[in-house]
């Protein structure tokens, strides 16, 4: 599974999310980083960088520390799982995850396609394990507005939307189930010729070529 680069982009979002703590421990709950990248044809990649164990265990934003949550035992058990075993937990959790966020175009809900996860090895259990989840999809042509909402049950999220050429369309820090509100998409998608325009040269030059060919044969 290939994930797009999250170097400078991730750090920009991390700053927005106020992730300035020098040492982040496993019990500290951090916001999910949401990165939506849209190309010129409206194809998008939606990447979530998140504490997957906290999501699956159901530790909500009312807890600032996982050890204070009733689900702490479940959370710690998930943290000890290998990437393969945690992937199985994610597969079972996926319907709930999909129901917990909304990506919409002009008020209509989209259905991103699940492409896979990048789950690190267990490693140092005193540090939280950030997994990357990737979705893809196609925005409708002529879209005017885009919107995003992340369930309050999943905590806060730092959101960035970028268009062709890495243009910044939206950046924000969302809490308590907040929506981005309408994100202007007018003119963002489809900078090239519409597909039907490519047939014009064929329609014009085709008959001319045929006429020249027929006259050449008559002359012979």
N, C-alpha and C. Protein backbone atom coordinates (compact mmCIF):
# COMPACT_ATOMS: atom_id res chain seq x y z
N UNK A 1 0.84 -1.20 0.00
CA UNK A 1 0.00 0.00 0.00
C UNK A 1 0.87 1.24 0.00
N UNK A 2 0.65 2.13 -0.96
CA UNK A 2 1.44 3.35 -1.07
C UNK A 2 0.66 4.53 -0.51
N UNK A 3 1.26 5.22 0.43
CA UNK A 3 0.67 6.41 1.00
C UNK A 3 1.46 7.62 0.52
N UNK A 4 0.77 8.72 0.29
CA UNK A 4 1.47 9.90 -0.16
C UNK A 4 2.27 10.50 0.99
N UNK A 5 3.25 11.31 0.62
CA UNK A 5 4.15 11.88 1.61
C UNK A 5 3.41 12.78 2.58
N UNK A 6 3.78 12.70 3.86
CA UNK A 6 3.15 13.55 4.86
C UNK A 6 4.17 14.36 5.63
N UNK A 7 5.34 14.60 5.06
CA UNK A 7 6.39 15.33 5.75
C UNK A 7 6.02 16.74 6.17
N UNK A 8 6.28 17.75 5.32
CA UNK A 8 5.94 19.12 5.67
C UNK A 8 4.46 19.30 5.94
N UNK A 9 3.61 18.58 5.21
CA UNK A 9 2.17 18.71 5.39
C UNK A 9 1.76 18.30 6.81
N UNK A 10 2.34 17.18 7.28
CA UNK A 10 1.98 16.71 8.61
C UNK A 10 2.40 17.71 9.67
N UNK A 11 3.59 18.29 9.51
CA UNK A 11 4.04 19.22 10.54
C UNK A 11 3.22 20.49 10.56
N UNK A 12 2.74 20.93 9.41
CA UNK A 12 1.86 22.09 9.38
C UNK A 12 0.58 21.81 10.15
N UNK A 13 0.03 20.63 9.93
CA UNK A 13 -1.20 20.25 10.63
C UNK A 13 -0.93 20.05 12.12
N UNK A 14 0.23 19.51 12.42
CA UNK A 14 0.56 19.29 13.82
C UNK A 14 0.62 20.59 14.60
N UNK A 15 1.12 21.63 13.95
CA UNK A 15 1.19 22.93 14.60
C UNK A 15 -0.21 23.48 14.84
N UNK A 16 -1.09 23.30 13.85
CA UNK A 16 -2.47 23.75 13.99
C UNK A 16 -3.13 23.03 15.15
N UNK A 17 -2.83 21.74 15.29
CA UNK A 17 -3.41 20.92 16.35
C UNK A 17 -2.76 21.18 17.70
N UNK A 18 -1.79 22.11 17.74
CA UNK A 18 -1.12 22.48 18.98
C UNK A 18 -0.38 21.31 19.61
N UNK A 19 0.26 20.52 18.75
CA UNK A 19 1.03 19.39 19.24
C UNK A 19 2.44 19.84 19.56
N UNK A 20 2.58 20.59 20.62
CA UNK A 20 3.88 21.15 20.98
C UNK A 20 4.44 20.51 22.24
N UNK A 21 3.85 19.40 22.68
CA UNK A 21 4.33 18.73 23.88
C UNK A 21 5.66 18.04 23.55
N UNK A 22 6.65 18.22 24.39
CA UNK A 22 7.98 17.68 24.09
C UNK A 22 7.98 16.16 24.08
N UNK A 23 7.29 15.54 25.01
CA UNK A 23 7.26 14.07 25.09
C UNK A 23 5.82 13.63 25.21
N UNK A 24 5.33 12.91 24.19
CA UNK A 24 3.94 12.48 24.16
C UNK A 24 3.85 11.02 24.57
N UNK A 25 3.13 10.78 25.65
CA UNK A 25 3.04 9.43 26.21
C UNK A 25 1.83 8.70 25.64
N UNK A 26 1.82 7.39 25.85
CA UNK A 26 0.77 6.55 25.28
C UNK A 26 -0.61 6.91 25.82
N UNK A 27 -0.70 7.47 27.04
CA UNK A 27 -2.00 7.72 27.66
C UNK A 27 -2.57 9.08 27.26
N UNK A 28 -1.79 9.91 26.56
CA UNK A 28 -2.27 11.23 26.14
C UNK A 28 -3.03 11.12 24.82
N UNK A 29 -4.22 11.71 24.79
CA UNK A 29 -5.07 11.64 23.61
C UNK A 29 -4.78 12.83 22.71
N UNK A 30 -4.44 12.55 21.47
CA UNK A 30 -4.13 13.61 20.52
C UNK A 30 -5.19 13.65 19.42
N UNK A 31 -5.30 14.78 18.74
CA UNK A 31 -6.28 14.87 17.65
C UNK A 31 -5.86 14.04 16.45
N UNK A 32 -6.83 13.61 15.70
CA UNK A 32 -6.58 12.92 14.43
C UNK A 32 -6.19 13.96 13.39
N UNK A 33 -5.16 13.66 12.61
CA UNK A 33 -4.75 14.54 11.52
C UNK A 33 -5.40 14.05 10.23
N UNK A 34 -6.18 14.90 9.62
CA UNK A 34 -6.93 14.56 8.40
C UNK A 34 -6.35 15.34 7.24
N UNK A 35 -5.93 14.64 6.21
CA UNK A 35 -5.28 15.26 5.06
C UNK A 35 -6.03 14.85 3.80
N UNK A 36 -6.65 15.81 3.15
CA UNK A 36 -7.42 15.56 1.93
C UNK A 36 -6.72 16.24 0.76
N UNK A 37 -6.26 15.44 -0.20
CA UNK A 37 -5.53 15.95 -1.36
C UNK A 37 -6.35 15.67 -2.62
N UNK A 38 -6.59 16.73 -3.41
CA UNK A 38 -7.44 16.63 -4.61
C UNK A 38 -6.62 17.01 -5.83
N UNK A 39 -6.68 16.19 -6.88
CA UNK A 39 -5.94 16.53 -8.08
C UNK A 39 -6.83 17.26 -9.08
N UNK A 40 -6.26 17.61 -10.23
CA UNK A 40 -6.94 18.42 -11.22
C UNK A 40 -8.18 17.76 -11.81
N UNK A 41 -8.24 16.43 -11.73
CA UNK A 41 -9.37 15.69 -12.28
C UNK A 41 -10.43 15.36 -11.23
N UNK A 42 -10.22 15.84 -10.01
CA UNK A 42 -11.19 15.59 -8.95
C UNK A 42 -10.98 14.30 -8.20
N UNK A 43 -9.90 13.57 -8.52
CA UNK A 43 -9.56 12.37 -7.76
C UNK A 43 -8.94 12.81 -6.43
N UNK A 44 -9.42 12.23 -5.33
CA UNK A 44 -8.92 12.65 -4.03
C UNK A 44 -8.37 11.48 -3.23
N UNK A 45 -7.43 11.80 -2.35
CA UNK A 45 -6.92 10.87 -1.36
C UNK A 45 -7.20 11.47 0.01
N UNK A 46 -7.81 10.67 0.85
CA UNK A 46 -8.14 11.09 2.21
C UNK A 46 -7.32 10.23 3.16
N UNK A 47 -6.42 10.87 3.89
CA UNK A 47 -5.56 10.14 4.82
C UNK A 47 -5.83 10.59 6.25
N UNK A 48 -6.00 9.61 7.12
CA UNK A 48 -6.20 9.87 8.54
C UNK A 48 -4.99 9.35 9.30
N UNK A 49 -4.36 10.20 10.06
CA UNK A 49 -3.28 9.77 10.94
C UNK A 49 -3.81 9.85 12.36
N UNK A 50 -3.92 8.70 13.01
CA UNK A 50 -4.69 8.67 14.25
C UNK A 50 -4.19 7.60 15.21
N UNK A 51 -4.61 7.73 16.45
CA UNK A 51 -4.39 6.71 17.46
C UNK A 51 -5.52 5.69 17.27
N UNK A 52 -5.26 4.70 16.47
CA UNK A 52 -6.28 3.73 16.08
C UNK A 52 -6.82 2.96 17.28
N UNK A 53 -5.96 2.64 18.22
CA UNK A 53 -6.38 1.88 19.39
C UNK A 53 -7.43 2.66 20.20
N UNK A 54 -7.23 3.98 20.33
CA UNK A 54 -8.19 4.80 21.07
C UNK A 54 -9.54 4.84 20.36
N UNK A 55 -9.51 4.92 19.03
CA UNK A 55 -10.76 4.93 18.27
C UNK A 55 -11.52 3.62 18.46
N UNK A 56 -10.82 2.51 18.30
CA UNK A 56 -11.47 1.20 18.40
C UNK A 56 -11.98 0.95 19.81
N UNK A 57 -11.21 1.36 20.82
CA UNK A 57 -11.62 1.16 22.21
C UNK A 57 -12.80 2.04 22.59
N UNK A 58 -13.02 3.10 21.82
CA UNK A 58 -14.15 3.99 22.10
C UNK A 58 -13.88 5.00 23.19
N UNK A 59 -12.61 5.42 23.31
CA UNK A 59 -12.28 6.44 24.30
C UNK A 59 -12.60 7.81 23.72
N UNK A 60 -13.60 8.46 24.26
CA UNK A 60 -14.10 9.72 23.72
C UNK A 60 -13.34 10.93 24.20
N UNK A 61 -13.71 12.12 23.68
CA UNK A 61 -13.00 13.36 24.00
C UNK A 61 -13.21 13.83 25.44
N UNK A 62 -14.15 13.21 26.15
CA UNK A 62 -14.35 13.60 27.56
C UNK A 62 -13.19 13.15 28.44
N UNK A 63 -12.32 12.32 27.89
CA UNK A 63 -11.15 11.84 28.64
C UNK A 63 -9.88 12.43 28.03
N UNK A 64 -9.12 13.13 28.84
CA UNK A 64 -7.83 13.67 28.37
C UNK A 64 -6.71 12.66 28.56
N UNK A 65 -6.98 11.61 29.30
CA UNK A 65 -6.00 10.59 29.61
C UNK A 65 -6.66 9.23 29.44
N UNK A 66 -6.06 8.36 28.63
CA UNK A 66 -6.67 7.06 28.38
C UNK A 66 -6.79 6.23 29.66
N UNK A 67 -5.88 6.46 30.63
CA UNK A 67 -5.91 5.68 31.87
C UNK A 67 -7.12 6.02 32.73
N UNK A 68 -7.75 7.18 32.45
CA UNK A 68 -8.93 7.58 33.21
C UNK A 68 -10.22 7.01 32.62
N UNK A 69 -10.13 6.46 31.41
CA UNK A 69 -11.32 5.96 30.72
C UNK A 69 -11.68 4.56 31.16
N UNK A 70 -12.98 4.24 31.20
CA UNK A 70 -13.40 2.86 31.52
C UNK A 70 -12.85 1.85 30.51
N UNK A 71 -12.54 2.32 29.31
CA UNK A 71 -12.04 1.43 28.26
C UNK A 71 -10.52 1.24 28.30
N UNK A 72 -9.87 1.67 29.38
CA UNK A 72 -8.41 1.65 29.46
C UNK A 72 -7.84 0.24 29.28
N UNK A 73 -8.49 -0.76 29.85
CA UNK A 73 -7.99 -2.13 29.75
C UNK A 73 -8.02 -2.59 28.29
N UNK A 74 -9.13 -2.30 27.60
CA UNK A 74 -9.25 -2.66 26.18
C UNK A 74 -8.21 -1.92 25.36
N UNK A 75 -8.03 -0.64 25.64
CA UNK A 75 -7.06 0.18 24.91
C UNK A 75 -5.65 -0.39 25.05
N UNK A 76 -5.25 -0.72 26.28
CA UNK A 76 -3.91 -1.24 26.51
C UNK A 76 -3.70 -2.59 25.85
N UNK A 77 -4.77 -3.38 25.79
CA UNK A 77 -4.67 -4.68 25.11
C UNK A 77 -4.47 -4.48 23.61
N UNK A 78 -5.15 -3.51 23.05
CA UNK A 78 -4.99 -3.21 21.62
C UNK A 78 -3.59 -2.71 21.32
N UNK A 79 -3.01 -1.97 22.26
CA UNK A 79 -1.67 -1.42 22.04
C UNK A 79 -0.62 -2.51 21.96
N UNK A 80 -0.91 -3.63 22.53
CA UNK A 80 0.05 -4.75 22.54
C UNK A 80 -0.09 -5.64 21.31
N UNK A 81 -1.07 -5.37 20.46
CA UNK A 81 -1.30 -6.23 19.30
C UNK A 81 -0.29 -5.94 18.19
N UNK A 82 0.02 -6.95 17.44
CA UNK A 82 0.86 -6.78 16.25
C UNK A 82 0.07 -6.02 15.19
N UNK A 83 0.75 -5.45 14.19
CA UNK A 83 0.03 -4.76 13.11
C UNK A 83 -1.01 -5.66 12.44
N UNK A 84 -0.70 -6.92 12.27
CA UNK A 84 -1.64 -7.85 11.61
C UNK A 84 -2.90 -8.06 12.45
N UNK A 85 -2.72 -8.22 13.76
CA UNK A 85 -3.86 -8.43 14.64
C UNK A 85 -4.69 -7.16 14.80
N UNK A 86 -3.99 -6.01 14.86
CA UNK A 86 -4.72 -4.74 14.96
C UNK A 86 -5.49 -4.46 13.67
N UNK A 87 -4.95 -4.90 12.53
CA UNK A 87 -5.64 -4.76 11.27
C UNK A 87 -6.98 -5.51 11.30
N UNK A 88 -7.00 -6.67 11.90
CA UNK A 88 -8.25 -7.42 12.02
C UNK A 88 -9.26 -6.67 12.88
N UNK A 89 -8.79 -6.04 13.94
CA UNK A 89 -9.68 -5.22 14.77
C UNK A 89 -10.21 -4.04 13.97
N UNK A 90 -9.35 -3.45 13.15
CA UNK A 90 -9.77 -2.33 12.32
C UNK A 90 -10.82 -2.76 11.31
N UNK A 91 -10.65 -3.92 10.71
CA UNK A 91 -11.62 -4.41 9.73
C UNK A 91 -13.01 -4.52 10.36
N UNK A 92 -13.06 -5.01 11.60
CA UNK A 92 -14.34 -5.14 12.30
C UNK A 92 -14.90 -3.78 12.68
N UNK A 93 -14.02 -2.82 12.92
CA UNK A 93 -14.43 -1.48 13.35
C UNK A 93 -14.80 -0.58 12.16
N UNK A 94 -14.43 -0.97 10.94
CA UNK A 94 -14.56 -0.09 9.78
C UNK A 94 -15.98 0.46 9.57
N UNK A 95 -17.05 -0.33 9.69
CA UNK A 95 -18.39 0.26 9.52
C UNK A 95 -18.66 1.41 10.47
N UNK A 96 -18.20 1.29 11.72
CA UNK A 96 -18.39 2.36 12.69
C UNK A 96 -17.55 3.58 12.33
N UNK A 97 -16.34 3.35 11.84
CA UNK A 97 -15.48 4.46 11.43
C UNK A 97 -16.10 5.22 10.25
N UNK A 98 -16.59 4.49 9.26
CA UNK A 98 -17.19 5.13 8.09
C UNK A 98 -18.42 5.93 8.46
N UNK A 99 -19.15 5.45 9.47
CA UNK A 99 -20.35 6.18 9.91
C UNK A 99 -19.98 7.40 10.75
N UNK A 100 -18.70 7.49 11.17
CA UNK A 100 -18.28 8.55 12.07
C UNK A 100 -17.70 9.78 11.39
N UNK A 101 -17.61 9.78 10.07
CA UNK A 101 -17.19 11.01 9.38
C UNK A 101 -18.04 11.21 8.13
N UNK A 102 -18.08 12.45 7.69
CA UNK A 102 -18.90 12.78 6.52
C UNK A 102 -18.10 13.71 5.61
N UNK A 103 -17.92 13.27 4.37
CA UNK A 103 -17.31 14.08 3.33
C UNK A 103 -18.40 14.32 2.30
N UNK A 104 -18.67 15.58 1.99
CA UNK A 104 -19.78 15.87 1.10
C UNK A 104 -19.40 16.88 0.03
N UNK A 105 -20.08 16.76 -1.11
CA UNK A 105 -19.90 17.67 -2.23
C UNK A 105 -21.25 18.29 -2.56
N UNK A 106 -21.31 19.61 -2.45
CA UNK A 106 -22.57 20.34 -2.69
C UNK A 106 -23.72 19.74 -1.89
N UNK A 107 -23.45 19.39 -0.64
CA UNK A 107 -24.47 18.90 0.26
C UNK A 107 -24.78 17.42 0.15
N UNK A 108 -24.17 16.74 -0.83
CA UNK A 108 -24.41 15.32 -1.01
C UNK A 108 -23.25 14.51 -0.43
N UNK A 109 -23.58 13.52 0.39
CA UNK A 109 -22.55 12.70 1.03
C UNK A 109 -21.82 11.84 0.01
N UNK A 110 -20.49 11.80 0.13
CA UNK A 110 -19.66 10.96 -0.73
C UNK A 110 -19.34 9.65 -0.02
N UNK A 111 -18.90 8.67 -0.77
CA UNK A 111 -18.56 7.36 -0.22
C UNK A 111 -17.11 7.03 -0.56
N UNK A 112 -16.15 7.50 0.25
CA UNK A 112 -14.75 7.20 -0.02
C UNK A 112 -14.49 5.69 -0.02
N UNK A 113 -13.57 5.27 -0.88
CA UNK A 113 -13.22 3.86 -0.99
C UNK A 113 -12.04 3.56 -0.06
N UNK A 114 -12.21 2.55 0.78
CA UNK A 114 -11.18 2.14 1.72
C UNK A 114 -10.03 1.47 0.99
N UNK A 115 -8.80 1.99 1.16
CA UNK A 115 -7.64 1.46 0.46
C UNK A 115 -6.65 0.72 1.34
N UNK A 116 -6.69 0.93 2.64
CA UNK A 116 -5.77 0.19 3.49
C UNK A 116 -5.21 1.02 4.63
N UNK A 117 -4.36 0.37 5.43
CA UNK A 117 -3.78 1.01 6.61
C UNK A 117 -2.30 0.75 6.68
N UNK A 118 -1.61 1.67 7.30
CA UNK A 118 -0.19 1.54 7.60
C UNK A 118 -0.07 1.58 9.12
N UNK A 119 0.13 0.41 9.72
CA UNK A 119 0.16 0.29 11.18
C UNK A 119 1.58 -0.05 11.63
N UNK A 120 2.19 0.79 12.46
CA UNK A 120 3.57 0.51 12.91
C UNK A 120 3.63 -0.72 13.81
N UNK A 121 4.84 -1.24 13.97
CA UNK A 121 5.06 -2.30 14.93
C UNK A 121 4.81 -1.78 16.35
N UNK A 122 4.70 -2.69 17.30
CA UNK A 122 4.37 -2.29 18.66
C UNK A 122 5.42 -1.33 19.22
N UNK A 123 6.69 -1.69 19.16
CA UNK A 123 7.75 -0.77 19.60
C UNK A 123 7.64 -0.39 21.07
N UNK A 124 7.94 0.87 21.36
CA UNK A 124 7.94 1.40 22.73
C UNK A 124 6.50 1.66 23.17
N UNK A 125 6.01 0.86 24.10
CA UNK A 125 4.62 1.01 24.52
C UNK A 125 4.38 2.21 25.42
N UNK A 126 5.43 2.94 25.77
CA UNK A 126 5.24 4.18 26.53
C UNK A 126 4.87 5.34 25.60
N UNK A 127 4.94 5.10 24.29
CA UNK A 127 4.59 6.11 23.30
C UNK A 127 3.37 5.65 22.51
N UNK A 128 2.51 6.58 22.18
CA UNK A 128 1.33 6.23 21.40
C UNK A 128 1.74 5.83 19.99
N UNK A 129 0.96 4.97 19.37
CA UNK A 129 1.25 4.45 18.04
C UNK A 129 0.28 5.10 17.05
N UNK A 130 0.81 5.88 16.14
CA UNK A 130 -0.02 6.56 15.15
C UNK A 130 -0.10 5.72 13.88
N UNK A 131 -1.30 5.35 13.48
CA UNK A 131 -1.52 4.59 12.25
C UNK A 131 -2.07 5.53 11.18
N UNK A 132 -1.85 5.14 9.93
CA UNK A 132 -2.35 5.92 8.80
C UNK A 132 -3.38 5.10 8.03
N UNK A 133 -4.53 5.70 7.82
CA UNK A 133 -5.62 5.05 7.10
C UNK A 133 -5.86 5.83 5.82
N UNK A 134 -5.99 5.12 4.72
CA UNK A 134 -6.12 5.77 3.43
C UNK A 134 -7.43 5.42 2.74
N UNK A 135 -8.11 6.47 2.25
CA UNK A 135 -9.32 6.34 1.46
C UNK A 135 -9.11 7.11 0.16
N UNK A 136 -9.83 6.72 -0.88
CA UNK A 136 -9.76 7.42 -2.16
C UNK A 136 -11.16 7.58 -2.73
N UNK A 137 -11.28 8.47 -3.71
CA UNK A 137 -12.57 8.65 -4.35
C UNK A 137 -12.49 9.67 -5.48
N UNK A 138 -13.64 9.94 -6.06
CA UNK A 138 -13.76 10.87 -7.18
C UNK A 138 -14.81 11.92 -6.85
N UNK A 139 -14.42 13.19 -6.91
CA UNK A 139 -15.38 14.27 -6.72
C UNK A 139 -16.18 14.49 -8.00
N UNK A 140 -17.43 14.87 -7.88
CA UNK A 140 -18.21 15.13 -9.10
C UNK A 140 -17.68 16.36 -9.84
N UNK A 141 -17.76 16.32 -11.16
CA UNK A 141 -17.35 17.47 -11.96
C UNK A 141 -18.27 18.65 -11.70
N UNK A 142 -17.70 19.83 -11.71
CA UNK A 142 -18.50 21.03 -11.49
C UNK A 142 -18.85 21.31 -10.05
N UNK A 143 -18.19 20.62 -9.12
CA UNK A 143 -18.48 20.82 -7.70
C UNK A 143 -18.20 22.28 -7.30
N UNK A 144 -19.09 22.84 -6.48
CA UNK A 144 -18.94 24.21 -6.03
C UNK A 144 -18.45 24.29 -4.58
N UNK A 145 -18.91 23.34 -3.75
CA UNK A 145 -18.55 23.39 -2.33
C UNK A 145 -18.24 21.99 -1.81
N UNK A 146 -17.30 21.95 -0.88
CA UNK A 146 -16.89 20.71 -0.23
C UNK A 146 -17.08 20.88 1.27
N UNK A 147 -17.40 19.79 1.97
CA UNK A 147 -17.57 19.87 3.41
C UNK A 147 -17.05 18.62 4.10
N UNK A 148 -16.65 18.76 5.37
CA UNK A 148 -16.11 17.65 6.16
C UNK A 148 -16.59 17.77 7.60
N UNK A 149 -16.93 16.63 8.19
CA UNK A 149 -17.30 16.60 9.60
C UNK A 149 -16.83 15.28 10.21
N UNK A 150 -16.22 15.37 11.39
CA UNK A 150 -15.66 14.24 12.12
C UNK A 150 -16.44 14.10 13.41
N UNK A 151 -16.89 12.89 13.71
CA UNK A 151 -17.75 12.68 14.88
C UNK A 151 -17.09 13.14 16.17
N UNK A 152 -17.88 13.75 17.03
CA UNK A 152 -17.38 14.15 18.33
C UNK A 152 -16.94 12.95 19.15
N UNK A 153 -17.52 11.78 18.88
CA UNK A 153 -17.13 10.57 19.60
C UNK A 153 -15.67 10.20 19.35
N UNK A 154 -15.11 10.69 18.21
CA UNK A 154 -13.73 10.39 17.85
C UNK A 154 -12.75 11.46 18.32
N UNK A 155 -13.25 12.49 18.97
CA UNK A 155 -12.36 13.55 19.45
C UNK A 155 -12.12 14.64 18.43
N UNK A 156 -11.06 15.42 18.67
CA UNK A 156 -10.73 16.54 17.79
C UNK A 156 -10.00 16.05 16.54
N UNK A 157 -9.99 16.91 15.52
CA UNK A 157 -9.21 16.61 14.31
C UNK A 157 -8.66 17.88 13.70
N UNK A 158 -7.44 17.78 13.20
CA UNK A 158 -6.80 18.87 12.47
C UNK A 158 -6.95 18.54 10.98
N UNK A 159 -7.58 19.45 10.25
CA UNK A 159 -7.98 19.16 8.87
C UNK A 159 -7.28 20.09 7.89
N UNK A 160 -6.75 19.48 6.81
CA UNK A 160 -6.23 20.29 5.71
C UNK A 160 -6.74 19.74 4.39
N UNK A 161 -7.20 20.66 3.54
CA UNK A 161 -7.62 20.30 2.19
C UNK A 161 -6.72 21.04 1.21
N UNK A 162 -6.09 20.31 0.30
CA UNK A 162 -5.24 20.95 -0.70
C UNK A 162 -5.65 20.49 -2.08
N UNK A 163 -5.55 21.42 -3.04
CA UNK A 163 -5.94 21.15 -4.41
C UNK A 163 -4.75 20.97 -5.32
N UNK A 164 -4.96 21.04 -6.63
CA UNK A 164 -3.87 20.88 -7.60
C UNK A 164 -2.71 21.83 -7.30
N UNK A 165 -1.50 21.31 -7.45
CA UNK A 165 -0.32 22.12 -7.17
C UNK A 165 -0.12 22.41 -5.70
N UNK A 166 -0.75 21.58 -4.83
CA UNK A 166 -0.63 21.73 -3.39
C UNK A 166 -1.22 23.05 -2.90
N UNK A 167 -2.18 23.59 -3.64
CA UNK A 167 -2.84 24.83 -3.21
C UNK A 167 -3.65 24.58 -1.95
N UNK A 168 -3.57 25.50 -1.02
CA UNK A 168 -4.23 25.35 0.27
C UNK A 168 -5.68 25.83 0.15
N UNK A 169 -6.63 24.90 0.24
CA UNK A 169 -8.04 25.24 0.14
C UNK A 169 -8.68 25.43 1.51
N UNK A 170 -8.17 24.71 2.50
CA UNK A 170 -8.72 24.84 3.85
C UNK A 170 -7.73 24.26 4.85
N UNK A 171 -7.62 24.92 6.01
CA UNK A 171 -6.85 24.40 7.13
C UNK A 171 -7.57 24.79 8.41
N UNK A 172 -7.79 23.85 9.30
CA UNK A 172 -8.48 24.18 10.53
C UNK A 172 -8.36 23.11 11.59
N UNK A 173 -8.68 23.50 12.82
CA UNK A 173 -8.68 22.60 13.97
C UNK A 173 -10.11 22.50 14.46
N UNK A 174 -10.68 21.29 14.42
CA UNK A 174 -12.11 21.10 14.67
C UNK A 174 -12.32 20.26 15.92
N UNK A 175 -13.24 20.72 16.77
CA UNK A 175 -13.56 19.99 17.99
C UNK A 175 -15.08 19.85 18.11
N UNK A 176 -15.52 18.98 19.01
CA UNK A 176 -16.93 18.80 19.35
C UNK A 176 -17.80 18.57 18.11
N UNK A 177 -17.29 17.78 17.18
CA UNK A 177 -18.09 17.44 16.02
C UNK A 177 -18.31 18.58 15.04
N UNK A 178 -17.46 19.60 15.12
CA UNK A 178 -17.61 20.76 14.22
C UNK A 178 -17.42 20.36 12.77
N UNK A 179 -18.10 21.09 11.89
CA UNK A 179 -17.93 20.94 10.45
C UNK A 179 -17.00 22.03 9.93
N UNK A 180 -16.36 21.74 8.81
CA UNK A 180 -15.54 22.78 8.18
C UNK A 180 -16.40 23.92 7.66
N UNK A 181 -17.69 23.63 7.43
CA UNK A 181 -18.52 24.58 6.70
C UNK A 181 -18.19 24.47 5.22
N UNK A 182 -18.87 25.23 4.38
CA UNK A 182 -18.62 25.12 2.93
C UNK A 182 -17.21 25.58 2.56
N UNK A 183 -16.50 24.71 1.85
CA UNK A 183 -15.17 25.03 1.32
C UNK A 183 -15.33 25.31 -0.17
N UNK A 184 -14.94 26.50 -0.60
CA UNK A 184 -15.14 26.90 -1.99
C UNK A 184 -14.29 26.05 -2.94
N UNK A 185 -14.96 25.41 -3.89
CA UNK A 185 -14.27 24.55 -4.86
C UNK A 185 -14.48 25.03 -6.30
N UNK A 186 -15.09 26.19 -6.47
CA UNK A 186 -15.39 26.70 -7.80
C UNK A 186 -14.10 26.88 -8.61
N UNK A 187 -14.02 26.23 -9.76
CA UNK A 187 -12.86 26.37 -10.64
C UNK A 187 -11.65 25.58 -10.23
N UNK A 188 -11.73 24.79 -9.15
CA UNK A 188 -10.56 24.04 -8.68
C UNK A 188 -10.29 22.82 -9.55
N UNK A 189 -11.34 22.15 -9.97
CA UNK A 189 -11.22 20.89 -10.71
C UNK A 189 -11.40 21.13 -12.20
N UNK A 190 -10.59 20.44 -13.02
CA UNK A 190 -10.79 20.45 -14.46
C UNK A 190 -10.23 21.66 -15.16
N UNK A 191 -8.94 21.92 -14.95
CA UNK A 191 -8.31 23.05 -15.63
C UNK A 191 -8.03 22.80 -17.10
N UNK A 192 -8.05 21.53 -17.51
CA UNK A 192 -7.76 21.20 -18.91
C UNK A 192 -9.00 21.26 -19.78
N UNK A 193 -8.87 20.83 -21.05
CA UNK A 193 -10.00 20.79 -21.96
C UNK A 193 -11.01 19.75 -21.52
N UNK A 194 -12.31 20.03 -21.68
CA UNK A 194 -13.29 18.97 -21.51
C UNK A 194 -13.01 17.86 -22.52
N UNK A 195 -13.38 16.64 -22.17
CA UNK A 195 -13.07 15.50 -23.02
C UNK A 195 -13.62 15.65 -24.42
N UNK A 196 -14.85 16.22 -24.56
CA UNK A 196 -15.46 16.28 -25.88
C UNK A 196 -14.71 17.21 -26.82
N UNK A 197 -13.93 18.16 -26.27
CA UNK A 197 -13.19 19.08 -27.14
C UNK A 197 -12.09 18.37 -27.92
N UNK A 198 -11.61 17.24 -27.37
CA UNK A 198 -10.55 16.52 -28.06
C UNK A 198 -11.03 15.88 -29.36
N UNK A 199 -12.34 15.76 -29.52
CA UNK A 199 -12.87 15.14 -30.73
C UNK A 199 -13.04 16.15 -31.87
N UNK A 200 -12.93 17.45 -31.57
CA UNK A 200 -13.12 18.47 -32.61
C UNK A 200 -12.09 18.34 -33.74
N UNK A 201 -10.78 18.20 -33.41
CA UNK A 201 -9.81 18.02 -34.51
C UNK A 201 -10.13 16.80 -35.37
N UNK A 202 -10.60 15.73 -34.74
CA UNK A 202 -10.93 14.52 -35.49
C UNK A 202 -12.10 14.79 -36.43
N UNK A 203 -13.12 15.48 -35.93
CA UNK A 203 -14.31 15.76 -36.73
C UNK A 203 -14.00 16.67 -37.91
N UNK A 204 -13.03 17.58 -37.72
CA UNK A 204 -12.69 18.52 -38.80
C UNK A 204 -11.70 17.91 -39.78
N UNK A 205 -10.64 17.33 -39.24
CA UNK A 205 -9.57 16.83 -40.10
C UNK A 205 -9.93 15.51 -40.77
N UNK A 206 -10.80 14.73 -40.12
CA UNK A 206 -11.19 13.45 -40.70
C UNK A 206 -11.79 13.58 -42.09
N UNK A 207 -12.85 14.39 -42.27
CA UNK A 207 -13.44 14.57 -43.61
C UNK A 207 -12.46 15.17 -44.61
N UNK A 208 -11.59 16.11 -44.15
CA UNK A 208 -10.63 16.72 -45.07
C UNK A 208 -9.65 15.67 -45.58
N UNK A 209 -9.19 14.82 -44.67
CA UNK A 209 -8.27 13.75 -45.08
C UNK A 209 -8.94 12.83 -46.08
N UNK A 210 -10.22 12.52 -45.87
CA UNK A 210 -10.95 11.63 -46.78
C UNK A 210 -11.10 12.26 -48.16
N UNK A 211 -11.38 13.58 -48.22
CA UNK A 211 -11.54 14.28 -49.50
C UNK A 211 -10.23 14.29 -50.28
N UNK A 212 -9.13 14.56 -49.55
CA UNK A 212 -7.83 14.59 -50.21
C UNK A 212 -7.48 13.22 -50.76
N UNK A 213 -7.79 12.18 -49.99
CA UNK A 213 -7.50 10.81 -50.42
C UNK A 213 -8.28 10.44 -51.67
N UNK A 214 -9.58 10.77 -51.69
CA UNK A 214 -10.43 10.45 -52.85
C UNK A 214 -9.98 11.18 -54.09
N UNK A 215 -9.62 12.46 -53.95
CA UNK A 215 -9.14 13.23 -55.13
C UNK A 215 -7.84 12.68 -55.64
N UNK A 216 -6.97 12.25 -54.75
CA UNK A 216 -5.70 11.68 -55.16
C UNK A 216 -5.91 10.40 -55.96
N UNK A 217 -6.87 9.60 -55.57
CA UNK A 217 -7.15 8.34 -56.29
C UNK A 217 -7.74 8.61 -57.66
N UNK A 218 -8.61 9.65 -57.75
CA UNK A 218 -9.19 10.00 -59.05
C UNK A 218 -8.13 10.49 -59.97
N UNK A 219 -7.19 11.27 -59.44
CA UNK A 219 -6.12 11.81 -60.30
C UNK A 219 -5.25 10.68 -60.87
N UNK A 220 -5.12 9.60 -60.11
CA UNK A 220 -4.32 8.46 -60.59
C UNK A 220 -5.08 7.72 -61.69
